[in-house]
PDB file of N, CA and C in Angstrom:
ATOM      1  N   UNK A   1     -75.729-143.856 149.789  1.00  0.00           N
ATOM      2  CA  UNK A   1     -74.399-143.771 149.207  1.00  0.00           C
ATOM      3  C   UNK A   1     -74.476-144.396 147.826  1.00  0.00           C
ATOM      4  N   UNK A   2     -73.933-143.702 146.870  1.00  0.00           N
ATOM      5  CA  UNK A   2     -74.007-144.223 145.505  1.00  0.00           C
ATOM      6  C   UNK A   2     -73.121-145.438 145.320  1.00  0.00           C
ATOM      7  N   UNK A   3     -73.524-146.274 144.398  1.00  0.00           N
ATOM      8  CA  UNK A   3     -72.761-147.480 144.087  1.00  0.00           C
ATOM      9  C   UNK A   3     -71.389-147.088 143.559  1.00  0.00           C
ATOM     10  N   UNK A   4     -70.354-147.754 144.041  1.00  0.00           N
ATOM     11  CA  UNK A   4     -69.009-147.468 143.574  1.00  0.00           C
ATOM     12  C   UNK A   4     -68.338-146.311 144.290  1.00  0.00           C
ATOM     13  N   UNK A   5     -68.965-145.788 145.351  1.00  0.00           N
ATOM     14  CA  UNK A   5     -68.341-144.702 146.113  1.00  0.00           C
ATOM     15  C   UNK A   5     -67.099-145.233 146.810  1.00  0.00           C
ATOM     16  N   UNK A   6     -66.173-144.327 147.113  1.00  0.00           N
ATOM     17  CA  UNK A   6     -64.919-144.765 147.729  1.00  0.00           C
ATOM     18  C   UNK A   6     -65.143-145.233 149.159  1.00  0.00           C
ATOM     19  N   UNK A   7     -64.219-146.058 149.627  1.00  0.00           N
ATOM     20  CA  UNK A   7     -64.286-146.534 151.012  1.00  0.00           C
ATOM     21  C   UNK A   7     -64.217-145.351 151.974  1.00  0.00           C
ATOM     22  N   UNK A   8     -63.393-144.359 151.639  1.00  0.00           N
ATOM     23  CA  UNK A   8     -63.292-143.163 152.475  1.00  0.00           C
ATOM     24  C   UNK A   8     -64.636-142.469 152.621  1.00  0.00           C
ATOM     25  N   UNK A   9     -65.393-142.394 151.530  1.00  0.00           N
ATOM     26  CA  UNK A   9     -66.723-141.772 151.582  1.00  0.00           C
ATOM     27  C   UNK A   9     -67.640-142.575 152.489  1.00  0.00           C
ATOM     28  N   UNK A  10     -67.552-143.896 152.406  1.00  0.00           N
ATOM     29  CA  UNK A  10     -68.366-144.754 153.270  1.00  0.00           C
ATOM     30  C   UNK A  10     -67.960-144.578 154.738  1.00  0.00           C
ATOM     31  N   UNK A  11     -66.655-144.510 154.993  1.00  0.00           N
ATOM     32  CA  UNK A  11     -66.184-144.326 156.369  1.00  0.00           C
ATOM     33  C   UNK A  11     -66.617-142.977 156.922  1.00  0.00           C
ATOM     34  N   UNK A  12     -66.552-141.931 156.104  1.00  0.00           N
ATOM     35  CA  UNK A  12     -67.013-140.616 156.575  1.00  0.00           C
ATOM     36  C   UNK A  12     -68.499-140.648 156.916  1.00  0.00           C
ATOM     37  N   UNK A  13     -69.283-141.363 156.114  1.00  0.00           N
ATOM     38  CA  UNK A  13     -70.713-141.462 156.385  1.00  0.00           C
ATOM     39  C   UNK A  13     -70.949-142.218 157.691  1.00  0.00           C
ATOM     40  N   UNK A  14     -70.213-143.304 157.917  1.00  0.00           N
ATOM     41  CA  UNK A  14     -70.348-144.057 159.168  1.00  0.00           C
ATOM     42  C   UNK A  14     -69.915-143.199 160.347  1.00  0.00           C
ATOM     43  N   UNK A  15     -68.837-142.443 160.194  1.00  0.00           N
ATOM     44  CA  UNK A  15     -68.362-141.565 161.276  1.00  0.00           C
ATOM     45  C   UNK A  15     -69.402-140.501 161.585  1.00  0.00           C
ATOM     46  N   UNK A  16     -70.025-139.972 160.564  1.00  0.00           N
ATOM     47  CA  UNK A  16     -71.077-138.960 160.765  1.00  0.00           C
ATOM     48  C   UNK A  16     -72.232-139.557 161.557  1.00  0.00           C
ATOM     49  N   UNK A  17     -72.590-140.815 161.252  1.00  0.00           N
ATOM     50  CA  UNK A  17     -73.675-141.482 161.979  1.00  0.00           C
ATOM     51  C   UNK A  17     -73.311-141.657 163.453  1.00  0.00           C
ATOM     52  N   UNK A  18     -72.017-141.776 163.737  1.00  0.00           N
ATOM     53  CA  UNK A  18     -71.550-141.933 165.120  1.00  0.00           C
ATOM     54  C   UNK A  18     -71.271-140.602 165.795  1.00  0.00           C
ATOM     55  N   UNK A  19     -71.366-139.516 165.038  1.00  0.00           N
ATOM     56  CA  UNK A  19     -71.075-138.216 165.616  1.00  0.00           C
ATOM     57  C   UNK A  19     -69.584-137.958 165.772  1.00  0.00           C
ATOM     58  N   UNK A  20     -68.775-138.596 164.957  1.00  0.00           N
ATOM     59  CA  UNK A  20     -67.319-138.426 165.024  1.00  0.00           C
ATOM     60  C   UNK A  20     -66.845-137.602 163.843  1.00  0.00           C
ATOM     61  N   UNK A  21     -65.826-136.798 164.084  1.00  0.00           N
ATOM     62  CA  UNK A  21     -65.215-136.026 163.019  1.00  0.00           C
ATOM     63  C   UNK A  21     -63.866-136.652 162.719  1.00  0.00           C
ATOM     64  N   UNK A  22     -63.735-137.231 161.564  1.00  0.00           N
ATOM     65  CA  UNK A  22     -62.487-137.881 161.205  1.00  0.00           C
ATOM     66  C   UNK A  22     -61.525-136.925 160.518  1.00  0.00           C
ATOM     67  N   UNK A  23     -62.019-135.735 160.180  1.00  0.00           N
ATOM     68  CA  UNK A  23     -61.157-134.736 159.566  1.00  0.00           C
ATOM     69  C   UNK A  23     -60.416-135.293 158.373  1.00  0.00           C
ATOM     70  N   UNK A  24     -59.109-135.152 158.407  1.00  0.00           N
ATOM     71  CA  UNK A  24     -58.282-135.600 157.291  1.00  0.00           C
ATOM     72  C   UNK A  24     -57.653-136.958 157.572  1.00  0.00           C
ATOM     73  N   UNK A  25     -58.131-137.657 158.609  1.00  0.00           N
ATOM     74  CA  UNK A  25     -57.564-138.956 158.959  1.00  0.00           C
ATOM     75  C   UNK A  25     -57.801-140.010 157.884  1.00  0.00           C
ATOM     76  N   UNK A  26     -58.770-139.783 157.030  1.00  0.00           N
ATOM     77  CA  UNK A  26     -59.098-140.778 156.014  1.00  0.00           C
ATOM     78  C   UNK A  26     -58.488-140.350 154.688  1.00  0.00           C
ATOM     79  N   UNK A  27     -57.624-141.178 154.189  1.00  0.00           N
ATOM     80  CA  UNK A  27     -57.021-140.910 152.891  1.00  0.00           C
ATOM     81  C   UNK A  27     -57.940-141.441 151.802  1.00  0.00           C
ATOM     82  N   UNK A  28     -57.856-140.859 150.620  1.00  0.00           N
ATOM     83  CA  UNK A  28     -58.674-141.397 149.524  1.00  0.00           C
ATOM     84  C   UNK A  28     -58.362-142.868 149.304  1.00  0.00           C
ATOM     85  N   UNK A  29     -59.384-143.643 149.130  1.00  0.00           N
ATOM     86  CA  UNK A  29     -59.247-145.081 148.962  1.00  0.00           C
ATOM     87  C   UNK A  29     -59.802-145.469 147.597  1.00  0.00           C
ATOM     88  N   UNK A  30     -59.489-146.659 147.159  1.00  0.00           N
ATOM     89  CA  UNK A  30     -60.098-147.134 145.913  1.00  0.00           C
ATOM     90  C   UNK A  30     -61.614-147.252 146.081  1.00  0.00           C
ATOM     91  N   UNK A  31     -62.311-147.325 144.976  1.00  0.00           N
ATOM     92  CA  UNK A  31     -63.767-147.431 145.026  1.00  0.00           C
ATOM     93  C   UNK A  31     -64.207-148.652 145.816  1.00  0.00           C
ATOM     94  N   UNK A  32     -65.352-148.495 146.503  1.00  0.00           N
ATOM     95  CA  UNK A  32     -65.960-149.602 147.230  1.00  0.00           C
ATOM     96  C   UNK A  32     -66.351-150.666 146.212  1.00  0.00           C
ATOM     97  N   UNK A  33     -66.090-151.928 146.515  1.00  0.00           N
ATOM     98  CA  UNK A  33     -66.402-152.979 145.532  1.00  0.00           C
ATOM     99  C   UNK A  33     -67.885-152.978 145.145  1.00  0.00           C
ATOM    100  N   UNK A  34     -68.152-152.816 143.891  1.00  0.00           N
ATOM    101  CA  UNK A  34     -69.527-152.765 143.401  1.00  0.00           C
ATOM    102  C   UNK A  34     -70.269-154.048 143.761  1.00  0.00           C
ATOM    103  N   UNK A  35     -69.569-155.180 143.760  1.00  0.00           N
ATOM    104  CA  UNK A  35     -70.214-156.460 144.054  1.00  0.00           C
ATOM    105  C   UNK A  35     -70.795-156.492 145.472  1.00  0.00           C
ATOM    106  N   UNK A  36     -70.279-155.668 146.377  1.00  0.00           N
ATOM    107  CA  UNK A  36     -70.751-155.673 147.763  1.00  0.00           C
ATOM    108  C   UNK A  36     -71.453-154.372 148.158  1.00  0.00           C
ATOM    109  N   UNK A  37     -71.670-153.478 147.227  1.00  0.00           N
ATOM    110  CA  UNK A  37     -72.275-152.186 147.576  1.00  0.00           C
ATOM    111  C   UNK A  37     -73.697-152.334 148.114  1.00  0.00           C
ATOM    112  N   UNK A  38     -74.401-153.373 147.696  1.00  0.00           N
ATOM    113  CA  UNK A  38     -75.760-153.591 148.203  1.00  0.00           C
ATOM    114  C   UNK A  38     -75.734-153.913 149.701  1.00  0.00           C
ATOM    115  N   UNK A  39     -74.663-154.548 150.164  1.00  0.00           N
ATOM    116  CA  UNK A  39     -74.537-154.870 151.592  1.00  0.00           C
ATOM    117  C   UNK A  39     -74.411-153.591 152.398  1.00  0.00           C
ATOM    118  N   UNK A  40     -73.628-152.646 151.880  1.00  0.00           N
ATOM    119  CA  UNK A  40     -73.510-151.345 152.556  1.00  0.00           C
ATOM    120  C   UNK A  40     -74.877-150.661 152.606  1.00  0.00           C
ATOM    121  N   UNK A  41     -75.630-150.753 151.543  1.00  0.00           N
ATOM    122  CA  UNK A  41     -76.974-150.180 151.519  1.00  0.00           C
ATOM    123  C   UNK A  41     -77.878-150.820 152.557  1.00  0.00           C
ATOM    124  N   UNK A  42     -77.802-152.142 152.678  1.00  0.00           N
ATOM    125  CA  UNK A  42     -78.596-152.829 153.703  1.00  0.00           C
ATOM    126  C   UNK A  42     -78.190-152.349 155.089  1.00  0.00           C
ATOM    127  N   UNK A  43     -76.879-152.229 155.310  1.00  0.00           N
ATOM    128  CA  UNK A  43     -76.399-151.757 156.612  1.00  0.00           C
ATOM    129  C   UNK A  43     -76.955-150.365 156.908  1.00  0.00           C
ATOM    130  N   UNK A  44     -76.899-149.477 155.930  1.00  0.00           N
ATOM    131  CA  UNK A  44     -77.407-148.119 156.152  1.00  0.00           C
ATOM    132  C   UNK A  44     -78.907-148.120 156.423  1.00  0.00           C
ATOM    133  N   UNK A  45     -79.644-149.054 155.830  1.00  0.00           N
ATOM    134  CA  UNK A  45     -81.077-149.172 156.107  1.00  0.00           C
ATOM    135  C   UNK A  45     -81.330-149.705 157.516  1.00  0.00           C
ATOM    136  N   UNK A  46     -80.554-150.706 157.931  1.00  0.00           N
ATOM    137  CA  UNK A  46     -80.779-151.364 159.222  1.00  0.00           C
ATOM    138  C   UNK A  46     -80.199-150.579 160.404  1.00  0.00           C
ATOM    139  N   UNK A  47     -79.162-149.811 160.161  1.00  0.00           N
ATOM    140  CA  UNK A  47     -78.456-149.121 161.240  1.00  0.00           C
ATOM    141  C   UNK A  47     -79.364-148.248 162.119  1.00  0.00           C
ATOM    142  N   UNK A  48     -80.208-147.394 161.556  1.00  0.00           N
ATOM    143  CA  UNK A  48     -81.029-146.536 162.416  1.00  0.00           C
ATOM    144  C   UNK A  48     -82.060-147.299 163.254  1.00  0.00           C
ATOM    145  N   UNK A  49     -82.388-148.528 162.854  1.00  0.00           N
ATOM    146  CA  UNK A  49     -83.420-149.298 163.558  1.00  0.00           C
ATOM    147  C   UNK A  49     -82.851-150.151 164.695  1.00  0.00           C
ATOM    148  N   UNK A  50     -81.556-150.118 164.892  1.00  0.00           N
ATOM    149  CA  UNK A  50     -80.953-150.974 165.923  1.00  0.00           C
ATOM    150  C   UNK A  50     -81.333-150.497 167.315  1.00  0.00           C
ATOM    151  N   UNK A  51     -81.302-151.418 168.269  1.00  0.00           N
ATOM    152  CA  UNK A  51     -81.561-151.097 169.672  1.00  0.00           C
ATOM    153  C   UNK A  51     -80.327-150.411 170.251  1.00  0.00           C
ATOM    154  N   UNK A  52     -80.552-149.411 171.091  1.00  0.00           N
ATOM    155  CA  UNK A  52     -79.453-148.707 171.750  1.00  0.00           C
ATOM    156  C   UNK A  52     -79.755-148.651 173.227  1.00  0.00           C
ATOM    157  N   UNK A  53     -78.725-148.930 174.024  1.00  0.00           N
ATOM    158  CA  UNK A  53     -78.882-148.895 175.473  1.00  0.00           C
ATOM    159  C   UNK A  53     -77.861-147.984 176.106  1.00  0.00           C
ATOM    160  N   UNK A  54     -77.742-148.072 177.412  1.00  0.00           N
ATOM    161  CA  UNK A  54     -76.819-147.225 178.158  1.00  0.00           C
ATOM    162  C   UNK A  54     -75.370-147.470 177.752  1.00  0.00           C
ATOM    163  N   UNK A  55     -75.079-148.658 177.290  1.00  0.00           N
ATOM    164  CA  UNK A  55     -73.705-149.000 176.915  1.00  0.00           C
ATOM    165  C   UNK A  55     -73.430-148.729 175.435  1.00  0.00           C
ATOM    166  N   UNK A  56     -74.396-148.145 174.748  1.00  0.00           N
ATOM    167  CA  UNK A  56     -74.206-147.841 173.329  1.00  0.00           C
ATOM    168  C   UNK A  56     -75.109-148.689 172.461  1.00  0.00           C
ATOM    169  N   UNK A  57     -74.847-148.675 171.165  1.00  0.00           N
ATOM    170  CA  UNK A  57     -75.711-149.413 170.249  1.00  0.00           C
ATOM    171  C   UNK A  57     -75.522-150.920 170.376  1.00  0.00           C
ATOM    172  N   UNK A  58     -76.615-151.645 170.152  1.00  0.00           N
ATOM    173  CA  UNK A  58     -76.550-153.100 170.124  1.00  0.00           C
ATOM    174  C   UNK A  58     -76.317-153.568 168.699  1.00  0.00           C
ATOM    175  N   UNK A  59     -76.011-154.820 168.558  1.00  0.00           N
ATOM    176  CA  UNK A  59     -75.767-155.395 167.230  1.00  0.00           C
ATOM    177  C   UNK A  59     -77.061-155.457 166.431  1.00  0.00           C
ATOM    178  N   UNK A  60     -76.919-155.418 165.129  1.00  0.00           N
ATOM    179  CA  UNK A  60     -78.052-155.703 164.249  1.00  0.00           C
ATOM    180  C   UNK A  60     -78.278-157.207 164.356  1.00  0.00           C
ATOM    181  N   UNK A  61     -79.448-157.595 164.792  1.00  0.00           N
ATOM    182  CA  UNK A  61     -79.719-159.003 165.076  1.00  0.00           C
ATOM    183  C   UNK A  61     -80.065-159.776 163.810  1.00  0.00           C
ATOM    184  N   UNK A  62     -79.899-161.090 163.921  1.00  0.00           N
ATOM    185  CA  UNK A  62     -80.310-161.944 162.815  1.00  0.00           C
ATOM    186  C   UNK A  62     -81.815-161.802 162.576  1.00  0.00           C
ATOM    187  N   UNK A  63     -82.570-161.606 163.646  1.00  0.00           N
ATOM    188  CA  UNK A  63     -84.013-161.420 163.508  1.00  0.00           C
ATOM    189  C   UNK A  63     -84.319-160.169 162.691  1.00  0.00           C
ATOM    190  N   UNK A  64     -83.588-159.069 162.963  1.00  0.00           N
ATOM    191  CA  UNK A  64     -83.787-157.832 162.197  1.00  0.00           C
ATOM    192  C   UNK A  64     -83.442-158.037 160.732  1.00  0.00           C
ATOM    193  N   UNK A  65     -82.364-158.764 160.500  1.00  0.00           N
ATOM    194  CA  UNK A  65     -81.950-159.036 159.120  1.00  0.00           C
ATOM    195  C   UNK A  65     -83.014-159.876 158.410  1.00  0.00           C
ATOM    196  N   UNK A  66     -83.548-160.868 159.133  1.00  0.00           N
ATOM    197  CA  UNK A  66     -84.584-161.720 158.532  1.00  0.00           C
ATOM    198  C   UNK A  66     -85.834-160.910 158.191  1.00  0.00           C
ATOM    199  N   UNK A  67     -86.290-160.084 159.117  1.00  0.00           N
ATOM    200  CA  UNK A  67     -87.485-159.265 158.874  1.00  0.00           C
ATOM    201  C   UNK A  67     -87.230-158.309 157.711  1.00  0.00           C
ATOM    202  N   UNK A  68     -86.065-157.670 157.717  1.00  0.00           N
ATOM    203  CA  UNK A  68     -85.704-156.747 156.641  1.00  0.00           C
ATOM    204  C   UNK A  68     -85.723-157.465 155.292  1.00  0.00           C
ATOM    205  N   UNK A  69     -85.134-158.651 155.245  1.00  0.00           N
ATOM    206  CA  UNK A  69     -85.082-159.373 153.968  1.00  0.00           C
ATOM    207  C   UNK A  69     -86.477-159.791 153.507  1.00  0.00           C
ATOM    208  N   UNK A  70     -87.346-160.163 154.454  1.00  0.00           N
ATOM    209  CA  UNK A  70     -88.723-160.528 154.063  1.00  0.00           C
ATOM    210  C   UNK A  70     -89.490-159.310 153.578  1.00  0.00           C
ATOM    211  N   UNK A  71     -89.350-158.191 154.307  1.00  0.00           N
ATOM    212  CA  UNK A  71     -90.078-156.974 153.925  1.00  0.00           C
ATOM    213  C   UNK A  71     -89.674-156.467 152.539  1.00  0.00           C
ATOM    214  N   UNK A  72     -88.416-156.645 152.213  1.00  0.00           N
ATOM    215  CA  UNK A  72     -87.899-156.159 150.933  1.00  0.00           C
ATOM    216  C   UNK A  72     -87.824-157.264 149.877  1.00  0.00           C
ATOM    217  N   UNK A  73     -88.344-158.435 150.245  1.00  0.00           N
ATOM    218  CA  UNK A  73     -88.358-159.591 149.344  1.00  0.00           C
ATOM    219  C   UNK A  73     -86.971-159.885 148.777  1.00  0.00           C
ATOM    220  N   UNK A  74     -86.023-159.935 149.712  1.00  0.00           N
ATOM    221  CA  UNK A  74     -84.636-160.240 149.344  1.00  0.00           C
ATOM    222  C   UNK A  74     -84.325-161.677 149.708  1.00  0.00           C
ATOM    223  N   UNK A  75     -83.490-162.278 148.929  1.00  0.00           N
ATOM    224  CA  UNK A  75     -82.945-163.574 149.295  1.00  0.00           C
ATOM    225  C   UNK A  75     -81.468-163.346 149.539  1.00  0.00           C
ATOM    226  N   UNK A  76     -81.112-163.212 150.823  1.00  0.00           N
ATOM    227  CA  UNK A  76     -79.718-162.948 151.180  1.00  0.00           C
ATOM    228  C   UNK A  76     -78.956-164.257 151.242  1.00  0.00           C
ATOM    229  N   UNK A  77     -77.859-164.288 150.534  1.00  0.00           N
ATOM    230  CA  UNK A  77     -76.991-165.464 150.578  1.00  0.00           C
ATOM    231  C   UNK A  77     -76.200-165.454 151.878  1.00  0.00           C
ATOM    232  N   UNK A  78     -75.796-166.615 152.364  1.00  0.00           N
ATOM    233  CA  UNK A  78     -75.071-166.680 153.632  1.00  0.00           C
ATOM    234  C   UNK A  78     -73.850-165.759 153.695  1.00  0.00           C
ATOM    235  N   UNK A  79     -73.091-165.640 152.613  1.00  0.00           N
ATOM    236  CA  UNK A  79     -71.914-164.775 152.643  1.00  0.00           C
ATOM    237  C   UNK A  79     -72.322-163.314 152.782  1.00  0.00           C
ATOM    238  N   UNK A  80     -73.498-162.955 152.243  1.00  0.00           N
ATOM    239  CA  UNK A  80     -73.956-161.575 152.353  1.00  0.00           C
ATOM    240  C   UNK A  80     -74.358-161.252 153.795  1.00  0.00           C
ATOM    241  N   UNK A  81     -75.029-162.196 154.446  1.00  0.00           N
ATOM    242  CA  UNK A  81     -75.385-161.997 155.856  1.00  0.00           C
ATOM    243  C   UNK A  81     -74.115-161.898 156.696  1.00  0.00           C
ATOM    244  N   UNK A  82     -73.138-162.752 156.421  1.00  0.00           N
ATOM    245  CA  UNK A  82     -71.866-162.701 157.147  1.00  0.00           C
ATOM    246  C   UNK A  82     -71.158-161.368 156.913  1.00  0.00           C
ATOM    247  N   UNK A  83     -71.177-160.907 155.676  1.00  0.00           N
ATOM    248  CA  UNK A  83     -70.544-159.621 155.359  1.00  0.00           C
ATOM    249  C   UNK A  83     -71.266-158.471 156.054  1.00  0.00           C
ATOM    250  N   UNK A  84     -72.597-158.515 156.071  1.00  0.00           N
ATOM    251  CA  UNK A  84     -73.379-157.495 156.763  1.00  0.00           C
ATOM    252  C   UNK A  84     -73.051-157.478 158.245  1.00  0.00           C
ATOM    253  N   UNK A  85     -72.945-158.659 158.845  1.00  0.00           N
ATOM    254  CA  UNK A  85     -72.578-158.747 160.270  1.00  0.00           C
ATOM    255  C   UNK A  85     -71.152-158.234 160.504  1.00  0.00           C
ATOM    256  N   UNK A  86     -70.253-158.489 159.565  1.00  0.00           N
ATOM    257  CA  UNK A  86     -68.877-157.997 159.700  1.00  0.00           C
ATOM    258  C   UNK A  86     -68.830-156.466 159.649  1.00  0.00           C
ATOM    259  N   UNK A  87     -69.613-155.884 158.749  1.00  0.00           N
ATOM    260  CA  UNK A  87     -69.704-154.416 158.694  1.00  0.00           C
ATOM    261  C   UNK A  87     -70.243-153.894 160.024  1.00  0.00           C
ATOM    262  N   UNK A  88     -71.268-154.560 160.551  1.00  0.00           N
ATOM    263  CA  UNK A  88     -71.851-154.147 161.825  1.00  0.00           C
ATOM    264  C   UNK A  88     -70.844-154.297 162.963  1.00  0.00           C
ATOM    265  N   UNK A  89     -70.056-155.358 162.946  1.00  0.00           N
ATOM    266  CA  UNK A  89     -69.022-155.539 163.977  1.00  0.00           C
ATOM    267  C   UNK A  89     -68.028-154.380 163.958  1.00  0.00           C
ATOM    268  N   UNK A  90     -67.648-153.938 162.770  1.00  0.00           N
ATOM    269  CA  UNK A  90     -66.739-152.787 162.659  1.00  0.00           C
ATOM    270  C   UNK A  90     -67.398-151.527 163.220  1.00  0.00           C
ATOM    271  N   UNK A  91     -68.664-151.323 162.869  1.00  0.00           N
ATOM    272  CA  UNK A  91     -69.399-150.175 163.380  1.00  0.00           C
ATOM    273  C   UNK A  91     -69.446-150.207 164.906  1.00  0.00           C
ATOM    274  N   UNK A  92     -69.745-151.377 165.461  1.00  0.00           N
ATOM    275  CA  UNK A  92     -69.846-151.503 166.920  1.00  0.00           C
ATOM    276  C   UNK A  92     -68.502-151.265 167.596  1.00  0.00           C
ATOM    277  N   UNK A  93     -67.413-151.689 166.971  1.00  0.00           N
ATOM    278  CA  UNK A  93     -66.086-151.451 167.543  1.00  0.00           C
ATOM    279  C   UNK A  93     -65.796-149.962 167.624  1.00  0.00           C
ATOM    280  N   UNK A  94     -66.127-149.229 166.573  1.00  0.00           N
ATOM    281  CA  UNK A  94     -65.920-147.778 166.576  1.00  0.00           C
ATOM    282  C   UNK A  94     -66.866-147.121 167.575  1.00  0.00           C
ATOM    283  N   UNK A  95     -68.111-147.572 167.621  1.00  0.00           N
ATOM    284  CA  UNK A  95     -69.083-147.007 168.561  1.00  0.00           C
ATOM    285  C   UNK A  95     -68.657-147.262 169.998  1.00  0.00           C
ATOM    286  N   UNK A  96     -68.104-148.425 170.269  1.00  0.00           N
ATOM    287  CA  UNK A  96     -67.637-148.759 171.613  1.00  0.00           C
ATOM    288  C   UNK A  96     -66.488-147.843 172.017  1.00  0.00           C
ATOM    289  N   UNK A  97     -65.566-147.614 171.092  1.00  0.00           N
ATOM    290  CA  UNK A  97     -64.466-146.690 171.345  1.00  0.00           C
ATOM    291  C   UNK A  97     -64.996-145.305 171.662  1.00  0.00           C
ATOM    292  N   UNK A  98     -65.964-144.855 170.860  1.00  0.00           N
ATOM    293  CA  UNK A  98     -66.547-143.530 171.046  1.00  0.00           C
ATOM    294  C   UNK A  98     -67.226-143.440 172.407  1.00  0.00           C
ATOM    295  N   UNK A  99     -67.968-144.478 172.800  1.00  0.00           N
ATOM    296  CA  UNK A  99     -68.649-144.489 174.092  1.00  0.00           C
ATOM    297  C   UNK A  99     -67.634-144.428 175.222  1.00  0.00           C
ATOM    298  N   UNK A 100     -66.557-145.202 175.122  1.00  0.00           N
ATOM    299  CA  UNK A 100     -65.512-145.176 176.151  1.00  0.00           C
ATOM    300  C   UNK A 100     -64.865-143.799 176.235  1.00  0.00           C
ATOM    301  N   UNK A 101     -64.600-143.186 175.076  1.00  0.00           N
ATOM    302  CA  UNK A 101     -64.003-141.854 175.060  1.00  0.00           C
ATOM    303  C   UNK A 101     -64.919-140.846 175.753  1.00  0.00           C
ATOM    304  N   UNK A 102     -66.221-140.922 175.478  1.00  0.00           N
ATOM    305  CA  UNK A 102     -67.181-140.012 176.114  1.00  0.00           C
ATOM    306  C   UNK A 102     -67.216-140.221 177.623  1.00  0.00           C
ATOM    307  N   UNK A 103     -67.223-141.494 178.036  1.00  0.00           N
ATOM    308  CA  UNK A 103     -67.244-141.794 179.469  1.00  0.00           C
ATOM    309  C   UNK A 103     -65.989-141.283 180.160  1.00  0.00           C
ATOM    310  N   UNK A 104     -64.839-141.471 179.516  1.00  0.00           N
ATOM    311  CA  UNK A 104     -63.586-140.982 180.093  1.00  0.00           C
ATOM    312  C   UNK A 104     -63.570-139.458 180.165  1.00  0.00           C
ATOM    313  N   UNK A 105     -64.049-138.797 179.114  1.00  0.00           N
ATOM    314  CA  UNK A 105     -64.108-137.333 179.105  1.00  0.00           C
ATOM    315  C   UNK A 105     -65.040-136.827 180.201  1.00  0.00           C
ATOM    316  N   UNK A 106     -66.197-137.479 180.347  1.00  0.00           N
ATOM    317  CA  UNK A 106     -67.151-137.075 181.383  1.00  0.00           C
ATOM    318  C   UNK A 106     -66.539-137.253 182.772  1.00  0.00           C
ATOM    319  N   UNK A 107     -65.827-138.354 182.970  1.00  0.00           N
ATOM    320  CA  UNK A 107     -65.182-138.610 184.263  1.00  0.00           C
ATOM    321  C   UNK A 107     -64.133-137.538 184.546  1.00  0.00           C
ATOM    322  N   UNK A 108     -63.315-137.183 183.538  1.00  0.00           N
ATOM    323  CA  UNK A 108     -62.306-136.134 183.721  1.00  0.00           C
ATOM    324  C   UNK A 108     -62.957-134.798 184.056  1.00  0.00           C
ATOM    325  N   UNK A 109     -64.063-134.486 183.380  1.00  0.00           N
ATOM    326  CA  UNK A 109     -64.769-133.226 183.649  1.00  0.00           C
ATOM    327  C   UNK A 109     -65.311-133.199 185.067  1.00  0.00           C
ATOM    328  N   UNK A 110     -65.881-134.314 185.515  1.00  0.00           N
ATOM    329  CA  UNK A 110     -66.400-134.386 186.879  1.00  0.00           C
ATOM    330  C   UNK A 110     -65.279-134.240 187.905  1.00  0.00           C
ATOM    331  N   UNK A 111     -64.145-134.890 187.640  1.00  0.00           N
ATOM    332  CA  UNK A 111     -63.000-134.776 188.544  1.00  0.00           C
ATOM    333  C   UNK A 111     -62.477-133.356 188.574  1.00  0.00           C
ATOM    334  N   UNK A 112     -62.458-132.711 187.427  1.00  0.00           N
ATOM    335  CA  UNK A 112     -61.997-131.329 187.345  1.00  0.00           C
ATOM    336  C   UNK A 112     -62.925-130.397 188.126  1.00  0.00           C
ATOM    337  N   UNK A 113     -64.231-130.604 187.996  1.00  0.00           N
ATOM    338  CA  UNK A 113     -65.202-129.791 188.739  1.00  0.00           C
ATOM    339  C   UNK A 113     -65.059-130.025 190.236  1.00  0.00           C
ATOM    340  N   UNK A 114     -64.848-131.283 190.627  1.00  0.00           N
ATOM    341  CA  UNK A 114     -64.681-131.605 192.048  1.00  0.00           C
ATOM    342  C   UNK A 114     -63.427-130.935 192.613  1.00  0.00           C
ATOM    343  N   UNK A 115     -62.340-130.931 191.853  1.00  0.00           N
ATOM    344  CA  UNK A 115     -61.110-130.256 192.297  1.00  0.00           C
ATOM    345  C   UNK A 115     -61.330-128.766 192.414  1.00  0.00           C
ATOM    346  N   UNK A 116     -62.063-128.195 191.444  1.00  0.00           N
ATOM    347  CA  UNK A 116     -62.321-126.748 191.465  1.00  0.00           C
ATOM    348  C   UNK A 116     -63.161-126.367 192.680  1.00  0.00           C
ATOM    349  N   UNK A 117     -64.103-127.215 193.078  1.00  0.00           N
ATOM    350  CA  UNK A 117     -64.937-126.933 194.256  1.00  0.00           C
ATOM    351  C   UNK A 117     -64.122-126.959 195.531  1.00  0.00           C
ATOM    352  N   UNK A 118     -63.136-127.845 195.586  1.00  0.00           N
ATOM    353  CA  UNK A 118     -62.307-127.964 196.785  1.00  0.00           C
ATOM    354  C   UNK A 118     -61.410-126.758 196.976  1.00  0.00           C
ATOM    355  N   UNK A 119     -61.151-126.021 195.946  1.00  0.00           N
ATOM    356  CA  UNK A 119     -60.241-124.864 196.039  1.00  0.00           C
ATOM    357  C   UNK A 119     -60.909-123.704 196.623  1.00  0.00           C
TER     358      UNK A 119
END
């Protein structure tokens, strides 16, 4: 994502990573703060490497952040690590919602099939 891209563009990219279609739900937003755009870049780098289990994606760990910062020779300030974790918390909240929605849809489909068999 280019530096200074709008928040809406960032949200659409995150939704795409989650397999969600936000359609027109996202209104144009002011540009993403340039001072924090590097944090979004770090998140996009770390996101695909996260552990995923049956309950959905796991958090980006402090260990992953440390390894990433060493590999890229970054010195992350404490507020940047906190901001990165906050972005990840938002991602996980949306991912959790998506996982619950999928589970509920699957349960409804199974119940519907079971009712159809009984008929």
